[in-house]
Amino acid sequence: MKLPSAAVAASLVCLIVAPVFAQTAPPTASTATVPVPATRRVTCLATTASLKGQDKRDQMQLCLAQARLDCLKQAIDQKVVGEPRKNFIKTCVGGDGPGQH
């Protein structure tokens, strides 16, 4: 039986995100600015898995841009500035940028 691509992508996202929500330890002051690595990039890859060619590239680019914006907002909320902000955003998105893969 062949599953639709959307179902496979949704399953991948659930498998990736579930451990994040399962964490029970509250963040301490030293770990409050450490995001879960690669979650957003992997989510973007999963949501574009069913697309091909230019459509896939366009949607991946949009998804990663939104992820970077979300991570920037998070860094601003947590008052992370300077070089630590750059590192925070890279870690938050889950890589160096769209050219990584």
PDB file of N, CA and C in Angstrom:
ATOM      1  N   MET A   1       0.837  -1.169   0.000  1.00  0.00           N
ATOM      2  CA  MET A   1       0.000   0.000   0.000  1.00  0.00           C
ATOM      3  C   MET A   1       0.891   1.245   0.000  1.00  0.00           C
ATOM      4  N   LYS A   2       0.619   2.157  -0.877  1.00  0.00           N
ATOM      5  CA  LYS A   2       1.421   3.366  -0.979  1.00  0.00           C
ATOM      6  C   LYS A   2       0.731   4.513  -0.244  1.00  0.00           C
ATOM      7  N   LEU A   3       1.458   5.143   0.683  1.00  0.00           N
ATOM      8  CA  LEU A   3       0.910   6.260   1.442  1.00  0.00           C
ATOM      9  C   LEU A   3       1.068   7.555   0.648  1.00  0.00           C
ATOM     10  N   PRO A   4       0.126   8.456   0.748  1.00  0.00           N
ATOM     11  CA  PRO A   4       0.290   9.758   0.096  1.00  0.00           C
ATOM     12  C   PRO A   4       1.486  10.500   0.688  1.00  0.00           C
ATOM     13  N   SER A   5       2.146  11.298  -0.142  1.00  0.00           N
ATOM     14  CA  SER A   5       3.340  12.025   0.285  1.00  0.00           C
ATOM     15  C   SER A   5       3.069  12.929   1.472  1.00  0.00           C
ATOM     16  N   ALA A   6       1.904  13.547   1.519  1.00  0.00           N
ATOM     17  CA  ALA A   6       1.579  14.437   2.636  1.00  0.00           C
ATOM     18  C   ALA A   6       1.536  13.663   3.948  1.00  0.00           C
ATOM     19  N   ALA A   7       1.024  12.452   3.915  1.00  0.00           N
ATOM     20  CA  ALA A   7       0.961  11.637   5.132  1.00  0.00           C
ATOM     21  C   ALA A   7       2.361  11.259   5.600  1.00  0.00           C
ATOM     22  N   VAL A   8       3.232  10.943   4.658  1.00  0.00           N
ATOM     23  CA  VAL A   8       4.608  10.600   5.002  1.00  0.00           C
ATOM     24  C   VAL A   8       5.303  11.816   5.603  1.00  0.00           C
ATOM     25  N   ALA A   9       5.121  12.978   4.990  1.00  0.00           N
ATOM     26  CA  ALA A   9       5.742  14.200   5.488  1.00  0.00           C
ATOM     27  C   ALA A   9       5.231  14.531   6.888  1.00  0.00           C
ATOM     28  N   ALA A  10       3.929  14.401   7.090  1.00  0.00           N
ATOM     29  CA  ALA A  10       3.358  14.679   8.404  1.00  0.00           C
ATOM     30  C   ALA A  10       3.905  13.715   9.453  1.00  0.00           C
ATOM     31  N   SER A  11       4.072  12.460   9.072  1.00  0.00           N
ATOM     32  CA  SER A  11       4.628  11.475  10.003  1.00  0.00           C
ATOM     33  C   SER A  11       6.051  11.833  10.391  1.00  0.00           C
ATOM     34  N   LEU A  12       6.849  12.264   9.402  1.00  0.00           N
ATOM     35  CA  LEU A  12       8.223  12.660   9.686  1.00  0.00           C
ATOM     36  C   LEU A  12       8.259  13.839  10.649  1.00  0.00           C
ATOM     37  N   VAL A  13       7.401  14.808  10.412  1.00  0.00           N
ATOM     38  CA  VAL A  13       7.362  15.980  11.289  1.00  0.00           C
ATOM     39  C   VAL A  13       6.997  15.560  12.706  1.00  0.00           C
ATOM     40  N   CYS A  14       6.020  14.687  12.835  1.00  0.00           N
ATOM     41  CA  CYS A  14       5.615  14.214  14.167  1.00  0.00           C
ATOM     42  C   CYS A  14       6.754  13.493  14.875  1.00  0.00           C
ATOM     43  N   LEU A  15       7.489  12.675  14.133  1.00  0.00           N
ATOM     44  CA  LEU A  15       8.602  11.941  14.733  1.00  0.00           C
ATOM     45  C   LEU A  15       9.705  12.874  15.192  1.00  0.00           C
ATOM     46  N   ILE A  16       9.872  13.982  14.501  1.00  0.00           N
ATOM     47  CA  ILE A  16      10.931  14.922  14.832  1.00  0.00           C
ATOM     48  C   ILE A  16      10.502  15.825  15.977  1.00  0.00           C
ATOM     49  N   VAL A  17       9.264  16.265  15.969  1.00  0.00           N
ATOM     50  CA  VAL A  17       8.788  17.230  16.942  1.00  0.00           C
ATOM     51  C   VAL A  17       8.390  16.584  18.270  1.00  0.00           C
ATOM     52  N   ALA A  18       7.912  15.354  18.247  1.00  0.00           N
ATOM     53  CA  ALA A  18       7.434  14.691  19.462  1.00  0.00           C
ATOM     54  C   ALA A  18       8.464  14.681  20.585  1.00  0.00           C
ATOM     55  N   PRO A  19       9.740  14.356  20.331  1.00  0.00           N
ATOM     56  CA  PRO A  19      10.708  14.364  21.436  1.00  0.00           C
ATOM     57  C   PRO A  19      10.890  15.747  22.061  1.00  0.00           C
ATOM     58  N   VAL A  20      10.692  16.790  21.282  1.00  0.00           N
ATOM     59  CA  VAL A  20      10.833  18.139  21.815  1.00  0.00           C
ATOM     60  C   VAL A  20       9.760  18.395  22.867  1.00  0.00           C
ATOM     61  N   PHE A  21       8.520  18.005  22.574  1.00  0.00           N
ATOM     62  CA  PHE A  21       7.434  18.212  23.513  1.00  0.00           C
ATOM     63  C   PHE A  21       7.503  17.235  24.694  1.00  0.00           C
ATOM     64  N   ALA A  22       8.207  16.142  24.535  1.00  0.00           N
ATOM     65  CA  ALA A  22       8.295  15.142  25.590  1.00  0.00           C
ATOM     66  C   ALA A  22       9.286  15.531  26.684  1.00  0.00           C
ATOM     67  N   GLN A  23      10.109  16.524  26.438  1.00  0.00           N
ATOM     68  CA  GLN A  23      11.086  16.939  27.437  1.00  0.00           C
ATOM     69  C   GLN A  23      10.359  17.484  28.659  1.00  0.00           C
ATOM     70  N   THR A  24      10.773  17.006  29.830  1.00  0.00           N
ATOM     71  CA  THR A  24      10.095  17.416  31.055  1.00  0.00           C
ATOM     72  C   THR A  24      10.894  18.416  31.876  1.00  0.00           C
ATOM     73  N   ALA A  25      12.195  18.486  31.672  1.00  0.00           N
ATOM     74  CA  ALA A  25      13.018  19.396  32.462  1.00  0.00           C
ATOM     75  C   ALA A  25      12.822  20.829  31.991  1.00  0.00           C
ATOM     76  N   PRO A  26      12.497  21.748  32.911  1.00  0.00           N
ATOM     77  CA  PRO A  26      12.351  23.146  32.518  1.00  0.00           C
ATOM     78  C   PRO A  26      13.717  23.737  32.185  1.00  0.00           C
ATOM     79  N   PRO A  27      13.788  24.664  31.228  1.00  0.00           N
ATOM     80  CA  PRO A  27      15.083  25.242  30.876  1.00  0.00           C
ATOM     81  C   PRO A  27      15.634  26.095  32.020  1.00  0.00           C
ATOM     82  N   THR A  28      16.935  26.020  32.192  1.00  0.00           N
ATOM     83  CA  THR A  28      17.590  26.846  33.197  1.00  0.00           C
ATOM     84  C   THR A  28      18.053  28.134  32.534  1.00  0.00           C
ATOM     85  N   ALA A  29      18.568  29.057  33.306  1.00  0.00           N
ATOM     86  CA  ALA A  29      18.998  30.339  32.762  1.00  0.00           C
ATOM     87  C   ALA A  29      20.088  30.153  31.711  1.00  0.00           C
ATOM     88  N   SER A  30      20.972  29.169  31.898  1.00  0.00           N
ATOM     89  CA  SER A  30      22.065  28.972  30.948  1.00  0.00           C
ATOM     90  C   SER A  30      21.614  28.276  29.671  1.00  0.00           C
ATOM     91  N   THR A  31      20.516  27.529  29.709  1.00  0.00           N
ATOM     92  CA  THR A  31      20.063  26.829  28.511  1.00  0.00           C
ATOM     93  C   THR A  31      18.850  27.480  27.866  1.00  0.00           C
ATOM     94  N   ALA A  32      18.385  28.583  28.389  1.00  0.00           N
ATOM     95  CA  ALA A  32      17.172  29.215  27.871  1.00  0.00           C
ATOM     96  C   ALA A  32      17.347  29.705  26.443  1.00  0.00           C
ATOM     97  N   THR A  33      18.567  30.011  26.016  1.00  0.00           N
ATOM     98  CA  THR A  33      18.777  30.529  24.673  1.00  0.00           C
ATOM     99  C   THR A  33      19.243  29.459  23.693  1.00  0.00           C
ATOM    100  N   VAL A  34      19.219  28.208  24.074  1.00  0.00           N
ATOM    101  CA  VAL A  34      19.663  27.130  23.195  1.00  0.00           C
ATOM    102  C   VAL A  34      18.446  26.465  22.558  1.00  0.00           C
ATOM    103  N   PRO A  35      18.220  26.703  21.256  1.00  0.00           N
ATOM    104  CA  PRO A  35      17.073  26.090  20.587  1.00  0.00           C
ATOM    105  C   PRO A  35      17.357  24.640  20.233  1.00  0.00           C
ATOM    106  N   VAL A  36      16.326  23.923  19.853  1.00  0.00           N
ATOM    107  CA  VAL A  36      16.483  22.546  19.402  1.00  0.00           C
ATOM    108  C   VAL A  36      17.077  22.585  18.003  1.00  0.00           C
ATOM    109  N   PRO A  37      18.239  21.969  17.768  1.00  0.00           N
ATOM    110  CA  PRO A  37      18.893  22.071  16.476  1.00  0.00           C
ATOM    111  C   PRO A  37      18.161  21.311  15.368  1.00  0.00           C
ATOM    112  N   ALA A  38      18.189  21.878  14.188  1.00  0.00           N
ATOM    113  CA  ALA A  38      17.735  21.276  12.927  1.00  0.00           C
ATOM    114  C   ALA A  38      16.241  21.056  12.787  1.00  0.00           C
ATOM    115  N   THR A  39      15.459  21.321  13.794  1.00  0.00           N
ATOM    116  CA  THR A  39      14.030  21.040  13.706  1.00  0.00           C
ATOM    117  C   THR A  39      13.369  21.792  12.563  1.00  0.00           C
ATOM    118  N   ARG A  40      13.623  23.075  12.451  1.00  0.00           N
ATOM    119  CA  ARG A  40      12.951  23.872  11.418  1.00  0.00           C
ATOM    120  C   ARG A  40      13.401  23.479  10.019  1.00  0.00           C
ATOM    121  N   ARG A  41      14.681  23.263   9.813  1.00  0.00           N
ATOM    122  CA  ARG A  41      15.169  22.858   8.487  1.00  0.00           C
ATOM    123  C   ARG A  41      14.575  21.506   8.098  1.00  0.00           C
ATOM    124  N   VAL A  42      14.573  20.573   9.031  1.00  0.00           N
ATOM    125  CA  VAL A  42      14.031  19.241   8.748  1.00  0.00           C
ATOM    126  C   VAL A  42      12.536  19.321   8.470  1.00  0.00           C
ATOM    127  N   THR A  43      11.845  20.191   9.202  1.00  0.00           N
ATOM    128  CA  THR A  43      10.419  20.390   8.950  1.00  0.00           C
ATOM    129  C   THR A  43      10.201  20.927   7.540  1.00  0.00           C
ATOM    130  N   CYS A  44      11.020  21.871   7.123  1.00  0.00           N
ATOM    131  CA  CYS A  44      10.918  22.410   5.759  1.00  0.00           C
ATOM    132  C   CYS A  44      11.171  21.314   4.729  1.00  0.00           C
ATOM    133  N   LEU A  45      12.174  20.499   4.964  1.00  0.00           N
ATOM    134  CA  LEU A  45      12.458  19.392   4.039  1.00  0.00           C
ATOM    135  C   LEU A  45      11.284  18.429   3.963  1.00  0.00           C
ATOM    136  N   ALA A  46      10.683  18.135   5.110  1.00  0.00           N
ATOM    137  CA  ALA A  46       9.558  17.199   5.142  1.00  0.00           C
ATOM    138  C   ALA A  46       8.341  17.770   4.422  1.00  0.00           C
ATOM    139  N   THR A  47       8.086  19.060   4.605  1.00  0.00           N
ATOM    140  CA  THR A  47       6.894  19.647   3.993  1.00  0.00           C
ATOM    141  C   THR A  47       7.040  19.863   2.497  1.00  0.00           C
ATOM    142  N   THR A  48       8.268  19.853   1.990  1.00  0.00           N
ATOM    143  CA  THR A  48       8.466  20.018   0.543  1.00  0.00           C
ATOM    144  C   THR A  48       8.802  18.692  -0.143  1.00  0.00           C
ATOM    145  N   ALA A  49       8.752  17.599   0.600  1.00  0.00           N
ATOM    146  CA  ALA A  49       9.145  16.296   0.058  1.00  0.00           C
ATOM    147  C   ALA A  49       8.305  15.867  -1.146  1.00  0.00           C
ATOM    148  N   SER A  50       7.053  16.260  -1.178  1.00  0.00           N
ATOM    149  CA  SER A  50       6.177  15.820  -2.268  1.00  0.00           C
ATOM    150  C   SER A  50       6.302  16.690  -3.519  1.00  0.00           C
ATOM    151  N   LEU A  51       7.054  17.783  -3.434  1.00  0.00           N
ATOM    152  CA  LEU A  51       7.189  18.695  -4.568  1.00  0.00           C
ATOM    153  C   LEU A  51       8.410  18.344  -5.399  1.00  0.00           C
ATOM    154  N   LYS A  52       8.446  18.869  -6.602  1.00  0.00           N
ATOM    155  CA  LYS A  52       9.566  18.612  -7.521  1.00  0.00           C
ATOM    156  C   LYS A  52      10.018  19.915  -8.163  1.00  0.00           C
ATOM    157  N   GLY A  53      11.261  19.939  -8.604  1.00  0.00           N
ATOM    158  CA  GLY A  53      11.795  21.027  -9.410  1.00  0.00           C
ATOM    159  C   GLY A  53      11.716  22.392  -8.759  1.00  0.00           C
ATOM    160  N   GLN A  54      11.309  23.377  -9.588  1.00  0.00           N
ATOM    161  CA  GLN A  54      11.271  24.761  -9.133  1.00  0.00           C
ATOM    162  C   GLN A  54      10.275  24.970  -7.999  1.00  0.00           C
ATOM    163  N   ASP A  55       9.148  24.264  -8.031  1.00  0.00           N
ATOM    164  CA  ASP A  55       8.168  24.382  -6.947  1.00  0.00           C
ATOM    165  C   ASP A  55       8.794  23.992  -5.615  1.00  0.00           C
ATOM    166  N   LYS A  56       9.576  22.908  -5.612  1.00  0.00           N
ATOM    167  CA  LYS A  56      10.228  22.453  -4.383  1.00  0.00           C
ATOM    168  C   LYS A  56      11.238  23.493  -3.900  1.00  0.00           C
ATOM    169  N   ARG A  57      12.047  24.032  -4.827  1.00  0.00           N
ATOM    170  CA  ARG A  57      13.047  25.038  -4.456  1.00  0.00           C
ATOM    171  C   ARG A  57      12.374  26.293  -3.899  1.00  0.00           C
ATOM    172  N   ASP A  58      11.308  26.741  -4.567  1.00  0.00           N
ATOM    173  CA  ASP A  58      10.608  27.942  -4.115  1.00  0.00           C
ATOM    174  C   ASP A  58      10.008  27.757  -2.730  1.00  0.00           C
ATOM    175  N   GLN A  59       9.329  26.637  -2.513  1.00  0.00           N
ATOM    176  CA  GLN A  59       8.693  26.400  -1.215  1.00  0.00           C
ATOM    177  C   GLN A  59       9.735  26.214  -0.113  1.00  0.00           C
ATOM    178  N   MET A  60      10.851  25.570  -0.437  1.00  0.00           N
ATOM    179  CA  MET A  60      11.924  25.382   0.537  1.00  0.00           C
ATOM    180  C   MET A  60      12.499  26.746   0.932  1.00  0.00           C
ATOM    181  N   GLN A  61      12.704  27.608  -0.065  1.00  0.00           N
ATOM    182  CA  GLN A  61      13.243  28.935   0.199  1.00  0.00           C
ATOM    183  C   GLN A  61      12.291  29.744   1.078  1.00  0.00           C
ATOM    184  N   LEU A  62      11.005  29.694   0.782  1.00  0.00           N
ATOM    185  CA  LEU A  62      10.013  30.402   1.594  1.00  0.00           C
ATOM    186  C   LEU A  62       9.969  29.860   3.019  1.00  0.00           C
ATOM    187  N   CYS A  63       9.981  28.552   3.143  1.00  0.00           N
ATOM    188  CA  CYS A  63       9.921  27.916   4.455  1.00  0.00           C
ATOM    189  C   CYS A  63      11.132  28.303   5.305  1.00  0.00           C
ATOM    190  N   LEU A  64      12.324  28.265   4.706  1.00  0.00           N
ATOM    191  CA  LEU A  64      13.537  28.611   5.452  1.00  0.00           C
ATOM    192  C   LEU A  64      13.569  30.092   5.812  1.00  0.00           C
ATOM    193  N   ALA A  65      13.057  30.951   4.921  1.00  0.00           N
ATOM    194  CA  ALA A  65      12.995  32.378   5.231  1.00  0.00           C
ATOM    195  C   ALA A  65      12.078  32.614   6.428  1.00  0.00           C
ATOM    196  N   GLN A  66      10.942  31.911   6.452  1.00  0.00           N
ATOM    197  CA  GLN A  66      10.017  32.033   7.584  1.00  0.00           C
ATOM    198  C   GLN A  66      10.666  31.495   8.862  1.00  0.00           C
ATOM    199  N   ALA A  67      11.407  30.408   8.735  1.00  0.00           N
ATOM    200  CA  ALA A  67      12.094  29.835   9.901  1.00  0.00           C
ATOM    201  C   ALA A  67      13.125  30.813  10.454  1.00  0.00           C
ATOM    202  N   ARG A  68      13.901  31.446   9.553  1.00  0.00           N
ATOM    203  CA  ARG A  68      14.892  32.436  10.007  1.00  0.00           C
ATOM    204  C   ARG A  68      14.212  33.611  10.703  1.00  0.00           C
ATOM    205  N   LEU A  69      13.095  34.065  10.145  1.00  0.00           N
ATOM    206  CA  LEU A  69      12.350  35.163  10.764  1.00  0.00           C
ATOM    207  C   LEU A  69      11.845  34.765  12.156  1.00  0.00           C
ATOM    208  N   ASP A  70      11.302  33.561  12.261  1.00  0.00           N
ATOM    209  CA  ASP A  70      10.829  33.071  13.561  1.00  0.00           C
ATOM    210  C   ASP A  70      11.973  32.992  14.571  1.00  0.00           C
ATOM    211  N   CYS A  71      13.129  32.532  14.117  1.00  0.00           N
ATOM    212  CA  CYS A  71      14.288  32.421  15.006  1.00  0.00           C
ATOM    213  C   CYS A  71      14.799  33.806  15.408  1.00  0.00           C
ATOM    214  N   LEU A  72      14.764  34.758  14.480  1.00  0.00           N
ATOM    215  CA  LEU A  72      15.172  36.124  14.804  1.00  0.00           C
ATOM    216  C   LEU A  72      14.243  36.716  15.862  1.00  0.00           C
ATOM    217  N   LYS A  73      12.947  36.505  15.699  1.00  0.00           N
ATOM    218  CA  LYS A  73      11.986  36.994  16.698  1.00  0.00           C
ATOM    219  C   LYS A  73      12.271  36.378  18.061  1.00  0.00           C
ATOM    220  N   GLN A  74      12.591  35.097  18.065  1.00  0.00           N
ATOM    221  CA  GLN A  74      12.900  34.402  19.313  1.00  0.00           C
ATOM    222  C   GLN A  74      14.160  34.986  19.953  1.00  0.00           C
ATOM    223  N   ALA A  75      15.178  35.260  19.140  1.00  0.00           N
ATOM    224  CA  ALA A  75      16.425  35.840  19.653  1.00  0.00           C
ATOM    225  C   ALA A  75      16.172  37.234  20.227  1.00  0.00           C
ATOM    226  N   ILE A  76      15.335  38.018  19.554  1.00  0.00           N
ATOM    227  CA  ILE A  76      15.009  39.356  20.046  1.00  0.00           C
ATOM    228  C   ILE A  76      14.259  39.264  21.369  1.00  0.00           C
ATOM    229  N   ASP A  77      13.290  38.352  21.440  1.00  0.00           N
ATOM    230  CA  ASP A  77      12.534  38.170  22.684  1.00  0.00           C
ATOM    231  C   ASP A  77      13.442  37.789  23.847  1.00  0.00           C
ATOM    232  N   GLN A  78      14.464  36.996  23.536  1.00  0.00           N
ATOM    233  CA  GLN A  78      15.388  36.544  24.582  1.00  0.00           C
ATOM    234  C   GLN A  78      16.572  37.488  24.768  1.00  0.00           C
ATOM    235  N   LYS A  79      16.549  38.597  24.012  1.00  0.00           N
ATOM    236  CA  LYS A  79      17.572  39.638  24.103  1.00  0.00           C
ATOM    237  C   LYS A  79      18.975  39.116  23.803  1.00  0.00           C
ATOM    238  N   VAL A  80      19.074  38.236  22.819  1.00  0.00           N
ATOM    239  CA  VAL A  80      20.360  37.728  22.366  1.00  0.00           C
ATOM    240  C   VAL A  80      20.870  38.711  21.316  1.00  0.00           C
ATOM    241  N   VAL A  81      22.102  39.208  21.467  1.00  0.00           N
ATOM    242  CA  VAL A  81      22.640  40.214  20.547  1.00  0.00           C
ATOM    243  C   VAL A  81      24.033  39.828  20.057  1.00  0.00           C
ATOM    244  N   GLY A  82      24.484  40.523  19.022  1.00  0.00           N
ATOM    245  CA  GLY A  82      25.833  40.365  18.496  1.00  0.00           C
ATOM    246  C   GLY A  82      26.083  38.997  17.885  1.00  0.00           C
ATOM    247  N   GLU A  83      27.316  38.527  18.063  1.00  0.00           N
ATOM    248  CA  GLU A  83      27.714  37.228  17.509  1.00  0.00           C
ATOM    249  C   GLU A  83      26.877  36.078  18.067  1.00  0.00           C
ATOM    250  N   PRO A  84      26.539  36.097  19.372  1.00  0.00           N
ATOM    251  CA  PRO A  84      25.672  35.029  19.886  1.00  0.00           C
ATOM    252  C   PRO A  84      24.320  34.964  19.151  1.00  0.00           C
ATOM    253  N   ARG A  85      23.806  36.119  18.686  1.00  0.00           N
ATOM    254  CA  ARG A  85      22.537  36.110  17.946  1.00  0.00           C
ATOM    255  C   ARG A  85      22.697  35.370  16.620  1.00  0.00           C
ATOM    256  N   LYS A  86      23.810  35.629  15.920  1.00  0.00           N
ATOM    257  CA  LYS A  86      24.054  34.940  14.642  1.00  0.00           C
ATOM    258  C   LYS A  86      24.110  33.427  14.860  1.00  0.00           C
ATOM    259  N   ASN A  87      24.834  33.027  15.888  1.00  0.00           N
ATOM    260  CA  ASN A  87      24.959  31.604  16.192  1.00  0.00           C
ATOM    261  C   ASN A  87      23.620  31.011  16.620  1.00  0.00           C
ATOM    262  N   PHE A  88      22.873  31.770  17.400  1.00  0.00           N
ATOM    263  CA  PHE A  88      21.553  31.329  17.848  1.00  0.00           C
ATOM    264  C   PHE A  88      20.645  31.057  16.644  1.00  0.00           C
ATOM    265  N   ILE A  89      20.618  31.989  15.694  1.00  0.00           N
ATOM    266  CA  ILE A  89      19.743  31.843  14.528  1.00  0.00           C
ATOM    267  C   ILE A  89      20.172  30.651  13.677  1.00  0.00           C
ATOM    268  N   LYS A  90      21.488  30.490  13.474  1.00  0.00           N
ATOM    269  CA  LYS A  90      21.980  29.327  12.714  1.00  0.00           C
ATOM    270  C   LYS A  90      21.543  28.023  13.373  1.00  0.00           C
ATOM    271  N   THR A  91      21.730  27.956  14.685  1.00  0.00           N
ATOM    272  CA  THR A  91      21.367  26.751  15.422  1.00  0.00           C
ATOM    273  C   THR A  91      19.860  26.535  15.410  1.00  0.00           C
ATOM    274  N   CYS A  92      19.131  27.620  15.569  1.00  0.00           N
ATOM    275  CA  CYS A  92      17.674  27.552  15.619  1.00  0.00           C
ATOM    276  C   CYS A  92      17.094  27.024  14.300  1.00  0.00           C
ATOM    277  N   VAL A  93      17.588  27.558  13.184  1.00  0.00           N
ATOM    278  CA  VAL A  93      17.103  27.122  11.869  1.00  0.00           C
ATOM    279  C   VAL A  93      17.597  25.707  11.584  1.00  0.00           C
ATOM    280  N   GLY A  94      18.824  25.420  11.991  1.00  0.00           N
ATOM    281  CA  GLY A  94      19.349  24.080  11.818  1.00  0.00           C
ATOM    282  C   GLY A  94      20.381  23.947  10.728  1.00  0.00           C
ATOM    283  N   GLY A  95      21.145  24.984  10.463  1.00  0.00           N
ATOM    284  CA  GLY A  95      22.194  24.888   9.465  1.00  0.00           C
ATOM    285  C   GLY A  95      22.709  26.249   9.072  1.00  0.00           C
ATOM    286  N   ASP A  96      23.522  26.248   8.029  1.00  0.00           N
ATOM    287  CA  ASP A  96      24.152  27.493   7.567  1.00  0.00           C
ATOM    288  C   ASP A  96      23.289  28.292   6.613  1.00  0.00           C
ATOM    289  N   GLY A  97      22.290  27.651   6.028  1.00  0.00           N
ATOM    290  CA  GLY A  97      21.435  28.366   5.081  1.00  0.00           C
ATOM    291  C   GLY A  97      20.979  27.441   3.981  1.00  0.00           C
ATOM    292  N   PRO A  98      20.267  27.992   2.983  1.00  0.00           N
ATOM    293  CA  PRO A  98      19.688  27.177   1.929  1.00  0.00           C
ATOM    294  C   PRO A  98      20.724  26.401   1.120  1.00  0.00           C
ATOM    295  N   GLY A  99      21.944  26.872   1.020  1.00  0.00           N
ATOM    296  CA  GLY A  99      22.957  26.189   0.226  1.00  0.00           C
ATOM    297  C   GLY A  99      23.613  25.028   0.938  1.00  0.00           C
ATOM    298  N   GLN A 100      23.166  24.701   2.137  1.00  0.00           N
ATOM    299  CA  GLN A 100      23.824  23.670   2.930  1.00  0.00           C
ATOM    300  C   GLN A 100      23.637  22.281   2.343  1.00  0.00           C
ATOM    301  N   HIS A 101      22.496  21.954   1.803  1.00  0.00           N
ATOM    302  CA  HIS A 101      22.244  20.596   1.325  1.00  0.00           C
ATOM    303  C   HIS A 101      22.527  20.422  -0.113  1.00  0.00           C
TER     304      HIS A 101
END
